[in-house]
Amino acid sequence: MKLSALFAAGLPFSMTAFAAEKSGHAEAGLIAGVASYQPGKTVPVGIKLKIEPGWHSYWVNPGVGGMPMSAKWTLPAGWKAGELQAPVPKRFKTGDLPGFGYEGEAIYRVDLTPPAGSSGEAELKVALSWLTCNESACVPGDVELSLKLPAGDGAASKEAAVLAEAEKKIPKSVDSSSSAVFEKDGQVVLAFTVPGGIDPEGSQAFPATAEVVDAAAPIVLKKSEQGWTASAPKDEYANGPAKAYDLVLSGGKLAHPVIVQWRGK
């Protein structure tokens, strides 16, 4: 049973620049890494989610229950929004249901890009939805946030250091073009190599793609002659062989969390 079936009704909220707005059992706010934008140059933006003690929210792969954060942007003409980049999660259980997500605070990153010919003040709006749960209930959050940035030289903002620190928890893609996935004895095995200087030994592994491996089972990393393997029992809800599999590795000898990607042919 999915935890999302336990939703209570959420209330919509809105905010102006840099203020935090509460909904459910968390509050959200927008921060920008620059005090002004330059036409054609990336604007790094953070979504800061502060979760009440005793509650948790969910990662891109929420596990057996829960719901990942959704961000829907309304931007000036010609502006583009990149994908929502989520920090490394932790494992937990809500009752008997295993999940991946956050307690305390999580800062997501999104890269917004204005067109080369943009000018004047830009209002950046986003509608966020998330789910917070504890051992007895799940409550959704819903807010509409906005941030206004003038055109300028793109100088760092007072929040730039916060965003830079949060960046250290967001996985970076590595060259995993030689990765492969196969099934053996009920296990899904991801075989992969990583560029020189990146050593996954001792790292924790999190399946960023839902319904590929069992969320309750630890992923076992092993060194192989060709590189590394990551093995875990197949998810009982999997609909046939995996067509894609993203694996996040964090900690151990890694200087920064990484994401290994595989796409079926």
C-alpha atoms as a PDB file:
ATOM      1  CA  MET A   1       0.000   0.000   0.000  1.00  0.00           C
ATOM      2  CA  LYS A   2       1.361   3.423  -0.909  1.00  0.00           C
ATOM      3  CA  LEU A   3       1.542   6.021   1.859  1.00  0.00           C
ATOM      4  CA  SER A   4       0.123   8.571  -0.556  1.00  0.00           C
ATOM      5  CA  ALA A   5      -3.239   6.885   0.000  1.00  0.00           C
ATOM      6  CA  LEU A   6      -3.170   8.315   3.534  1.00  0.00           C
ATOM      7  CA  PHE A   7      -3.024  11.974   2.434  1.00  0.00           C
ATOM      8  CA  ALA A   8      -4.831  14.620   4.381  1.00  0.00           C
ATOM      9  CA  ALA A   9      -6.028  17.713   2.577  1.00  0.00           C
ATOM     10  CA  GLY A  10      -3.293  20.306   1.934  1.00  0.00           C
ATOM     11  CA  LEU A  11      -3.635  24.069   1.979  1.00  0.00           C
ATOM     12  CA  PRO A  12      -2.174  26.360  -0.708  1.00  0.00           C
ATOM     13  CA  PHE A  13       0.177  29.158   0.293  1.00  0.00           C
ATOM     14  CA  SER A  14       2.256  31.768  -1.516  1.00  0.00           C
ATOM     15  CA  MET A  15       5.311  33.821  -0.667  1.00  0.00           C
ATOM     16  CA  THR A  16       7.531  36.616  -1.863  1.00  0.00           C
ATOM     17  CA  ALA A  17      11.315  36.627  -2.234  1.00  0.00           C
ATOM     18  CA  PHE A  18      13.385  34.781   0.375  1.00  0.00           C
ATOM     19  CA  ALA A  19      10.578  34.310   2.940  1.00  0.00           C
ATOM     20  CA  ALA A  20       9.766  30.793   4.086  1.00  0.00           C
ATOM     21  CA  GLU A  21       6.205  29.513   3.900  1.00  0.00           C
ATOM     22  CA  LYS A  22       4.823  26.614   5.925  1.00  0.00           C
ATOM     23  CA  SER A  23       2.429  23.931   4.772  1.00  0.00           C
ATOM     24  CA  GLY A  24       1.744  20.598   6.425  1.00  0.00           C
ATOM     25  CA  HIS A  25       4.725  19.730   8.590  1.00  0.00           C
ATOM     26  CA  ALA A  26       7.446  21.561   6.664  1.00  0.00           C
ATOM     27  CA  GLU A  27       8.278  25.020   5.389  1.00  0.00           C
ATOM     28  CA  ALA A  28       9.826  25.927   2.054  1.00  0.00           C
ATOM     29  CA  GLY A  29      11.712  28.920   0.716  1.00  0.00           C
ATOM     30  CA  LEU A  30      13.680  29.977  -2.362  1.00  0.00           C
ATOM     31  CA  ILE A  31      17.283  31.165  -2.353  1.00  0.00           C
ATOM     32  CA  ALA A  32      19.365  32.345  -5.294  1.00  0.00           C
ATOM     33  CA  GLY A  33      23.117  32.105  -5.674  1.00  0.00           C
ATOM     34  CA  VAL A  34      23.263  35.485  -7.432  1.00  0.00           C
ATOM     35  CA  ALA A  35      21.952  38.922  -6.518  1.00  0.00           C
ATOM     36  CA  SER A  36      21.165  39.694 -10.172  1.00  0.00           C
ATOM     37  CA  TYR A  37      21.051  37.715 -13.380  1.00  0.00           C
ATOM     38  CA  GLN A  38      23.024  38.031 -16.601  1.00  0.00           C
ATOM     39  CA  PRO A  39      21.261  37.303 -19.896  1.00  0.00           C
ATOM     40  CA  GLY A  40      22.141  33.828 -21.168  1.00  0.00           C
ATOM     41  CA  LYS A  41      23.954  32.836 -17.943  1.00  0.00           C
ATOM     42  CA  THR A  42      22.774  30.126 -15.522  1.00  0.00           C
ATOM     43  CA  VAL A  43      21.060  31.292 -12.339  1.00  0.00           C
ATOM     44  CA  PRO A  44      21.547  28.739  -9.521  1.00  0.00           C
ATOM     45  CA  VAL A  45      18.462  28.528  -7.300  1.00  0.00           C
ATOM     46  CA  GLY A  46      17.922  26.495  -4.153  1.00  0.00           C
ATOM     47  CA  ILE A  47      14.656  25.175  -2.730  1.00  0.00           C
ATOM     48  CA  LYS A  48      15.119  24.908   1.021  1.00  0.00           C
ATOM     49  CA  LEU A  49      12.753  22.522   2.794  1.00  0.00           C
ATOM     50  CA  LYS A  50      12.796  22.582   6.599  1.00  0.00           C
ATOM     51  CA  ILE A  51      10.967  19.638   8.136  1.00  0.00           C
ATOM     52  CA  GLU A  52       9.474  19.546  11.624  1.00  0.00           C
ATOM     53  CA  PRO A  53      11.107  17.211  14.199  1.00  0.00           C
ATOM     54  CA  GLY A  54       9.601  13.737  14.133  1.00  0.00           C
ATOM     55  CA  TRP A  55       8.566  14.020  10.470  1.00  0.00           C
ATOM     56  CA  HIS A  56      10.308  13.193   7.190  1.00  0.00           C
ATOM     57  CA  SER A  57       9.904  14.002   3.505  1.00  0.00           C
ATOM     58  CA  TYR A  58      10.809  11.933   0.456  1.00  0.00           C
ATOM     59  CA  TRP A  59      13.551  11.608  -2.165  1.00  0.00           C
ATOM     60  CA  VAL A  60      13.181  11.176  -5.963  1.00  0.00           C
ATOM     61  CA  ASN A  61      12.727   7.469  -5.228  1.00  0.00           C
ATOM     62  CA  PRO A  62      10.477   7.527  -2.153  1.00  0.00           C
ATOM     63  CA  GLY A  63      10.689   3.772  -1.599  1.00  0.00           C
ATOM     64  CA  VAL A  64       7.582   1.701  -0.950  1.00  0.00           C
ATOM     65  CA  GLY A  65       5.513   4.674   0.202  1.00  0.00           C
ATOM     66  CA  GLY A  66       5.593   8.417   0.006  1.00  0.00           C
ATOM     67  CA  MET A  67       5.836  10.983  -2.737  1.00  0.00           C
ATOM     68  CA  PRO A  68       8.821  12.878  -4.161  1.00  0.00           C
ATOM     69  CA  MET A  69       8.840  16.658  -4.267  1.00  0.00           C
ATOM     70  CA  SER A  70       7.244  18.190  -7.368  1.00  0.00           C
ATOM     71  CA  ALA A  71       8.321  21.599  -8.699  1.00  0.00           C
ATOM     72  CA  LYS A  72       6.395  23.348 -11.491  1.00  0.00           C
ATOM     73  CA  TRP A  73       7.932  26.611 -12.658  1.00  0.00           C
ATOM     74  CA  THR A  74       6.283  29.679 -14.167  1.00  0.00           C
ATOM     75  CA  LEU A  75       9.032  31.804 -15.705  1.00  0.00           C
ATOM     76  CA  PRO A  76       9.342  34.899 -17.895  1.00  0.00           C
ATOM     77  CA  ALA A  77       9.257  34.333 -21.650  1.00  0.00           C
ATOM     78  CA  GLY A  78      12.313  32.457 -22.888  1.00  0.00           C
ATOM     79  CA  TRP A  79      13.566  31.349 -19.466  1.00  0.00           C
ATOM     80  CA  LYS A  80      14.296  27.627 -19.021  1.00  0.00           C
ATOM     81  CA  ALA A  81      14.302  25.482 -15.881  1.00  0.00           C
ATOM     82  CA  GLY A  82      16.653  22.526 -15.480  1.00  0.00           C
ATOM     83  CA  GLU A  83      15.800  19.367 -13.599  1.00  0.00           C
ATOM     84  CA  LEU A  84      15.241  19.327  -9.843  1.00  0.00           C
ATOM     85  CA  GLN A  85      18.515  18.122  -8.299  1.00  0.00           C
ATOM     86  CA  ALA A  86      17.984  16.367  -4.975  1.00  0.00           C
ATOM     87  CA  PRO A  87      20.577  15.852  -2.230  1.00  0.00           C
ATOM     88  CA  VAL A  88      21.647  12.410  -1.022  1.00  0.00           C
ATOM     89  CA  PRO A  89      18.866  10.898   1.139  1.00  0.00           C
ATOM     90  CA  LYS A  90      18.866   8.640   4.158  1.00  0.00           C
ATOM     91  CA  ARG A  91      17.078   5.345   4.656  1.00  0.00           C
ATOM     92  CA  PHE A  92      14.213   5.040   7.137  1.00  0.00           C
ATOM     93  CA  LYS A  93      11.049   3.090   7.828  1.00  0.00           C
ATOM     94  CA  THR A  94       7.550   4.417   8.365  1.00  0.00           C
ATOM     95  CA  GLY A  95       5.940   1.569  10.232  1.00  0.00           C
ATOM     96  CA  ASP A  96       6.986  -1.447   8.153  1.00  0.00           C
ATOM     97  CA  LEU A  97       7.387   0.516   4.923  1.00  0.00           C
ATOM     98  CA  PRO A  98      10.964   1.306   3.836  1.00  0.00           C
ATOM     99  CA  GLY A  99      11.668   4.683   2.292  1.00  0.00           C
ATOM    100  CA  PHE A 100      14.303   7.198   1.247  1.00  0.00           C
ATOM    101  CA  GLY A 101      14.198  10.863   2.141  1.00  0.00           C
ATOM    102  CA  TYR A 102      15.040  13.614   4.567  1.00  0.00           C
ATOM    103  CA  GLU A 103      14.738  14.704   8.151  1.00  0.00           C
ATOM    104  CA  GLY A 104      15.569  18.184   9.408  1.00  0.00           C
ATOM    105  CA  GLU A 105      16.492  20.160   6.296  1.00  0.00           C
ATOM    106  CA  ALA A 106      17.036  19.456   2.618  1.00  0.00           C
ATOM    107  CA  ILE A 107      18.168  21.914  -0.055  1.00  0.00           C
ATOM    108  CA  TYR A 108      17.401  21.071  -3.679  1.00  0.00           C
ATOM    109  CA  ARG A 109      19.043  22.858  -6.613  1.00  0.00           C
ATOM    110  CA  VAL A 110      17.588  24.012  -9.913  1.00  0.00           C
ATOM    111  CA  ASP A 111      19.440  25.843 -12.684  1.00  0.00           C
ATOM    112  CA  LEU A 112      17.382  28.530 -14.384  1.00  0.00           C
ATOM    113  CA  THR A 113      18.610  30.087 -17.625  1.00  0.00           C
ATOM    114  CA  PRO A 114      17.393  33.384 -19.078  1.00  0.00           C
ATOM    115  CA  PRO A 115      17.497  33.981 -22.838  1.00  0.00           C
ATOM    116  CA  ALA A 116      20.369  35.980 -24.283  1.00  0.00           C
ATOM    117  CA  GLY A 117      18.141  38.973 -24.935  1.00  0.00           C
ATOM    118  CA  SER A 118      16.379  39.162 -21.565  1.00  0.00           C
ATOM    119  CA  SER A 119      16.292  42.428 -19.603  1.00  0.00           C
ATOM    120  CA  GLY A 120      14.607  44.050 -16.625  1.00  0.00           C
ATOM    121  CA  GLU A 121      13.387  42.433 -13.424  1.00  0.00           C
ATOM    122  CA  ALA A 122      12.460  38.756 -13.653  1.00  0.00           C
ATOM    123  CA  GLU A 123       9.888  37.123 -11.401  1.00  0.00           C
ATOM    124  CA  LEU A 124      10.577  33.414 -10.937  1.00  0.00           C
ATOM    125  CA  LYS A 125       7.598  31.430  -9.641  1.00  0.00           C
ATOM    126  CA  VAL A 126       7.358  27.804  -8.576  1.00  0.00           C
ATOM    127  CA  ALA A 127       4.543  25.617  -7.249  1.00  0.00           C
ATOM    128  CA  LEU A 128       5.888  22.964  -4.870  1.00  0.00           C
ATOM    129  CA  SER A 129       4.225  19.831  -3.583  1.00  0.00           C
ATOM    130  CA  TRP A 130       5.679  17.324  -1.115  1.00  0.00           C
ATOM    131  CA  LEU A 131       4.642  14.801   1.499  1.00  0.00           C
ATOM    132  CA  THR A 132       5.642  14.624   5.165  1.00  0.00           C
ATOM    133  CA  CYS A 133       5.037  11.518   7.255  1.00  0.00           C
ATOM    134  CA  ASN A 134       5.623  10.245  10.769  1.00  0.00           C
ATOM    135  CA  GLU A 135       4.751   6.900  12.344  1.00  0.00           C
ATOM    136  CA  SER A 136       1.024   7.584  12.403  1.00  0.00           C
ATOM    137  CA  ALA A 137       0.105  10.027   9.634  1.00  0.00           C
ATOM    138  CA  CYS A 138       1.042  11.539   6.273  1.00  0.00           C
ATOM    139  CA  VAL A 139       0.300  15.185   5.461  1.00  0.00           C
ATOM    140  CA  PRO A 140       0.990  16.865   2.084  1.00  0.00           C
ATOM    141  CA  GLY A 141       2.529  20.300   1.678  1.00  0.00           C
ATOM    142  CA  ASP A 142       1.615  22.771  -1.062  1.00  0.00           C
ATOM    143  CA  VAL A 143       3.139  26.220  -1.564  1.00  0.00           C
ATOM    144  CA  GLU A 144       3.579  28.756  -4.332  1.00  0.00           C
ATOM    145  CA  LEU A 145       6.852  30.681  -4.052  1.00  0.00           C
ATOM    146  CA  SER A 146       8.278  33.589  -6.006  1.00  0.00           C
ATOM    147  CA  LEU A 147      11.647  35.270  -6.300  1.00  0.00           C
ATOM    148  CA  LYS A 148      12.415  38.526  -8.091  1.00  0.00           C
ATOM    149  CA  LEU A 149      15.842  39.163  -9.627  1.00  0.00           C
ATOM    150  CA  PRO A 150      17.010  42.295 -11.438  1.00  0.00           C
ATOM    151  CA  ALA A 151      19.238  42.134 -14.485  1.00  0.00           C
ATOM    152  CA  GLY A 152      22.834  42.925 -13.621  1.00  0.00           C
ATOM    153  CA  ASP A 153      26.358  41.580 -13.385  1.00  0.00           C
ATOM    154  CA  GLY A 154      25.470  38.217 -11.808  1.00  0.00           C
ATOM    155  CA  ALA A 155      27.397  38.923  -8.599  1.00  0.00           C
ATOM    156  CA  ALA A 156      27.112  36.365  -5.803  1.00  0.00           C
ATOM    157  CA  SER A 157      24.254  36.829  -3.345  1.00  0.00           C
ATOM    158  CA  LYS A 158      24.393  36.580   0.445  1.00  0.00           C
ATOM    159  CA  GLU A 159      22.916  33.065   0.054  1.00  0.00           C
ATOM    160  CA  ALA A 160      25.654  31.906  -2.357  1.00  0.00           C
ATOM    161  CA  ALA A 161      27.675  30.223   0.418  1.00  0.00           C
ATOM    162  CA  VAL A 162      24.588  28.307   1.640  1.00  0.00           C
ATOM    163  CA  LEU A 163      23.908  27.077  -1.879  1.00  0.00           C
ATOM    164  CA  ALA A 164      27.567  26.136  -2.400  1.00  0.00           C
ATOM    165  CA  GLU A 165      27.542  24.080   0.805  1.00  0.00           C
ATOM    166  CA  ALA A 166      24.293  22.360  -0.230  1.00  0.00           C
ATOM    167  CA  GLU A 167      25.882  21.539  -3.606  1.00  0.00           C
ATOM    168  CA  LYS A 168      28.276  19.166  -1.821  1.00  0.00           C
ATOM    169  CA  LYS A 169      25.328  16.859  -1.021  1.00  0.00           C
ATOM    170  CA  ILE A 170      23.972  16.709  -4.587  1.00  0.00           C
ATOM    171  CA  PRO A 171      25.284  13.764  -6.657  1.00  0.00           C
ATOM    172  CA  LYS A 172      27.212  14.493  -9.837  1.00  0.00           C
ATOM    173  CA  SER A 173      26.942  12.263 -12.899  1.00  0.00           C
ATOM    174  CA  VAL A 174      30.057  10.289 -13.790  1.00  0.00           C
ATOM    175  CA  ASP A 175      30.972   8.621 -17.054  1.00  0.00           C
ATOM    176  CA  SER A 176      29.171   5.296 -16.791  1.00  0.00           C
ATOM    177  CA  SER A 177      28.776   4.558 -20.514  1.00  0.00           C
ATOM    178  CA  SER A 178      30.161   1.057 -19.956  1.00  0.00           C
ATOM    179  CA  SER A 179      27.549   0.158 -17.313  1.00  0.00           C
ATOM    180  CA  ALA A 180      25.308  -2.901 -17.709  1.00  0.00           C
ATOM    181  CA  VAL A 181      22.396  -4.432 -15.813  1.00  0.00           C
ATOM    182  CA  PHE A 182      21.512  -8.123 -15.553  1.00  0.00           C
ATOM    183  CA  GLU A 183      19.458 -10.357 -13.288  1.00  0.00           C
ATOM    184  CA  LYS A 184      20.824 -13.399 -11.489  1.00  0.00           C
ATOM    185  CA  ASP A 185      19.165 -15.576  -8.824  1.00  0.00           C
ATOM    186  CA  GLY A 186      16.548 -12.938  -8.030  1.00  0.00           C
ATOM    187  CA  GLN A 187      19.145 -10.175  -7.813  1.00  0.00           C
ATOM    188  CA  VAL A 188      19.444  -7.086 -10.015  1.00  0.00           C
ATOM    189  CA  VAL A 189      23.124  -6.478 -10.669  1.00  0.00           C
ATOM    190  CA  LEU A 190      24.517  -3.198 -11.967  1.00  0.00           C
ATOM    191  CA  ALA A 191      28.045  -3.615 -13.344  1.00  0.00           C
ATOM    192  CA  PHE A 192      29.884  -0.346 -13.832  1.00  0.00           C
ATOM    193  CA  THR A 193      33.202   1.423 -14.042  1.00  0.00           C
ATOM    194  CA  VAL A 194      34.032   4.923 -12.836  1.00  0.00           C
ATOM    195  CA  PRO A 195      36.682   7.411 -13.973  1.00  0.00           C
ATOM    196  CA  GLY A 196      40.108   7.291 -12.390  1.00  0.00           C
ATOM    197  CA  GLY A 197      40.363   9.028  -9.034  1.00  0.00           C
ATOM    198  CA  ILE A 198      36.835   8.011  -8.011  1.00  0.00           C
ATOM    199  CA  ASP A 199      36.789   5.121  -5.530  1.00  0.00           C
ATOM    200  CA  PRO A 200      33.362   3.788  -4.382  1.00  0.00           C
ATOM    201  CA  GLU A 201      34.897   1.637  -1.633  1.00  0.00           C
ATOM    202  CA  GLY A 202      32.987   2.059   1.628  1.00  0.00           C
ATOM    203  CA  SER A 203      30.269   4.210   0.077  1.00  0.00           C
ATOM    204  CA  GLN A 204      26.529   3.867   0.641  1.00  0.00           C
ATOM    205  CA  ALA A 205      24.341   3.093  -2.356  1.00  0.00           C
ATOM    206  CA  PHE A 206      20.821   4.410  -2.970  1.00  0.00           C
ATOM    207  CA  PRO A 207      18.598   3.398  -5.930  1.00  0.00           C
ATOM    208  CA  ALA A 208      17.409   6.640  -7.527  1.00  0.00           C
ATOM    209  CA  THR A 209      15.138   4.745  -9.929  1.00  0.00           C
ATOM    210  CA  ALA A 210      12.003   3.400  -8.274  1.00  0.00           C
ATOM    211  CA  GLU A 211      10.751  -0.198  -8.517  1.00  0.00           C
ATOM    212  CA  VAL A 212      14.006  -1.722  -9.753  1.00  0.00           C
ATOM    213  CA  VAL A 213      15.445  -3.138  -6.522  1.00  0.00           C
ATOM    214  CA  ASP A 214      13.861  -3.867  -3.137  1.00  0.00           C
ATOM    215  CA  ALA A 215      13.877  -0.619  -1.152  1.00  0.00           C
ATOM    216  CA  ALA A 216      14.192  -2.518   2.127  1.00  0.00           C
ATOM    217  CA  ALA A 217      17.370  -4.389   1.127  1.00  0.00           C
ATOM    218  CA  PRO A 218      20.868  -2.909   1.319  1.00  0.00           C
ATOM    219  CA  ILE A 219      22.732  -2.659  -1.982  1.00  0.00           C
ATOM    220  CA  VAL A 220      25.952  -4.655  -1.869  1.00  0.00           C
ATOM    221  CA  LEU A 221      28.952  -3.101  -3.635  1.00  0.00           C
ATOM    222  CA  LYS A 222      31.822  -5.342  -4.748  1.00  0.00           C
ATOM    223  CA  LYS A 223      35.048  -4.716  -6.632  1.00  0.00           C
ATOM    224  CA  SER A 224      35.316  -6.767  -9.818  1.00  0.00           C
ATOM    225  CA  GLU A 225      38.025  -7.325 -12.417  1.00  0.00           C
ATOM    226  CA  GLN A 226      36.323  -4.876 -14.775  1.00  0.00           C
ATOM    227  CA  GLY A 227      35.186  -2.344 -12.161  1.00  0.00           C
ATOM    228  CA  TRP A 228      32.346  -2.634  -9.635  1.00  0.00           C
ATOM    229  CA  THR A 229      29.033  -4.403  -9.151  1.00  0.00           C
ATOM    230  CA  ALA A 230      26.017  -3.270  -7.121  1.00  0.00           C
ATOM    231  CA  SER A 231      23.580  -6.064  -6.234  1.00  0.00           C
ATOM    232  CA  ALA A 232      20.198  -6.090  -4.521  1.00  0.00           C
ATOM    233  CA  PRO A 233      17.012  -8.204  -4.657  1.00  0.00           C
ATOM    234  CA  LYS A 234      14.612  -7.308  -7.448  1.00  0.00           C
ATOM    235  CA  ASP A 235      11.666  -5.153  -6.415  1.00  0.00           C
ATOM    236  CA  GLU A 236       8.432  -7.120  -6.124  1.00  0.00           C
ATOM    237  CA  TYR A 237       6.558  -4.346  -7.971  1.00  0.00           C
ATOM    238  CA  ALA A 238       8.962  -4.327 -10.932  1.00  0.00           C
ATOM    239  CA  ASN A 239       7.165  -4.597 -14.255  1.00  0.00           C
ATOM    240  CA  GLY A 240       9.549  -6.835 -16.188  1.00  0.00           C
ATOM    241  CA  PRO A 241      13.268  -6.208 -16.698  1.00  0.00           C
ATOM    242  CA  ALA A 242      14.645  -2.795 -15.799  1.00  0.00           C
ATOM    243  CA  LYS A 243      14.764  -0.243 -18.628  1.00  0.00           C
ATOM    244  CA  ALA A 244      16.777   2.326 -16.663  1.00  0.00           C
ATOM    245  CA  TYR A 245      18.676   2.387 -13.392  1.00  0.00           C
ATOM    246  CA  ASP A 246      20.316   5.319 -11.616  1.00  0.00           C
ATOM    247  CA  LEU A 247      22.439   4.552  -8.567  1.00  0.00           C
ATOM    248  CA  VAL A 248      23.673   7.196  -6.118  1.00  0.00           C
ATOM    249  CA  LEU A 249      26.902   6.541  -4.209  1.00  0.00           C
ATOM    250  CA  SER A 250      27.904   8.633  -1.209  1.00  0.00           C
ATOM    251  CA  GLY A 251      30.494   8.591   1.561  1.00  0.00           C
ATOM    252  CA  GLY A 252      33.409   6.204   2.023  1.00  0.00           C
ATOM    253  CA  LYS A 253      36.376   7.279  -0.085  1.00  0.00           C
ATOM    254  CA  LEU A 254      34.272   9.508  -2.334  1.00  0.00           C
ATOM    255  CA  ALA A 255      35.090  13.210  -2.134  1.00  0.00           C
ATOM    256  CA  HIS A 256      31.636  14.016  -3.506  1.00  0.00           C
ATOM    257  CA  PRO A 257      28.471  11.914  -4.039  1.00  0.00           C
ATOM    258  CA  VAL A 258      28.120  10.561  -7.578  1.00  0.00           C
ATOM    259  CA  ILE A 259      25.377   9.049  -9.701  1.00  0.00           C
ATOM    260  CA  VAL A 260      25.950   6.061 -11.968  1.00  0.00           C
ATOM    261  CA  GLN A 261      23.434   5.785 -14.816  1.00  0.00           C
ATOM    262  CA  TRP A 262      22.358   2.894 -17.010  1.00  0.00           C
ATOM    263  CA  ARG A 263      19.865   2.966 -19.873  1.00  0.00           C
ATOM    264  CA  GLY A 264      18.596  -0.133 -21.617  1.00  0.00           C
ATOM    265  CA  LYS A 265      18.696  -0.431 -25.387  1.00  0.00           C
END
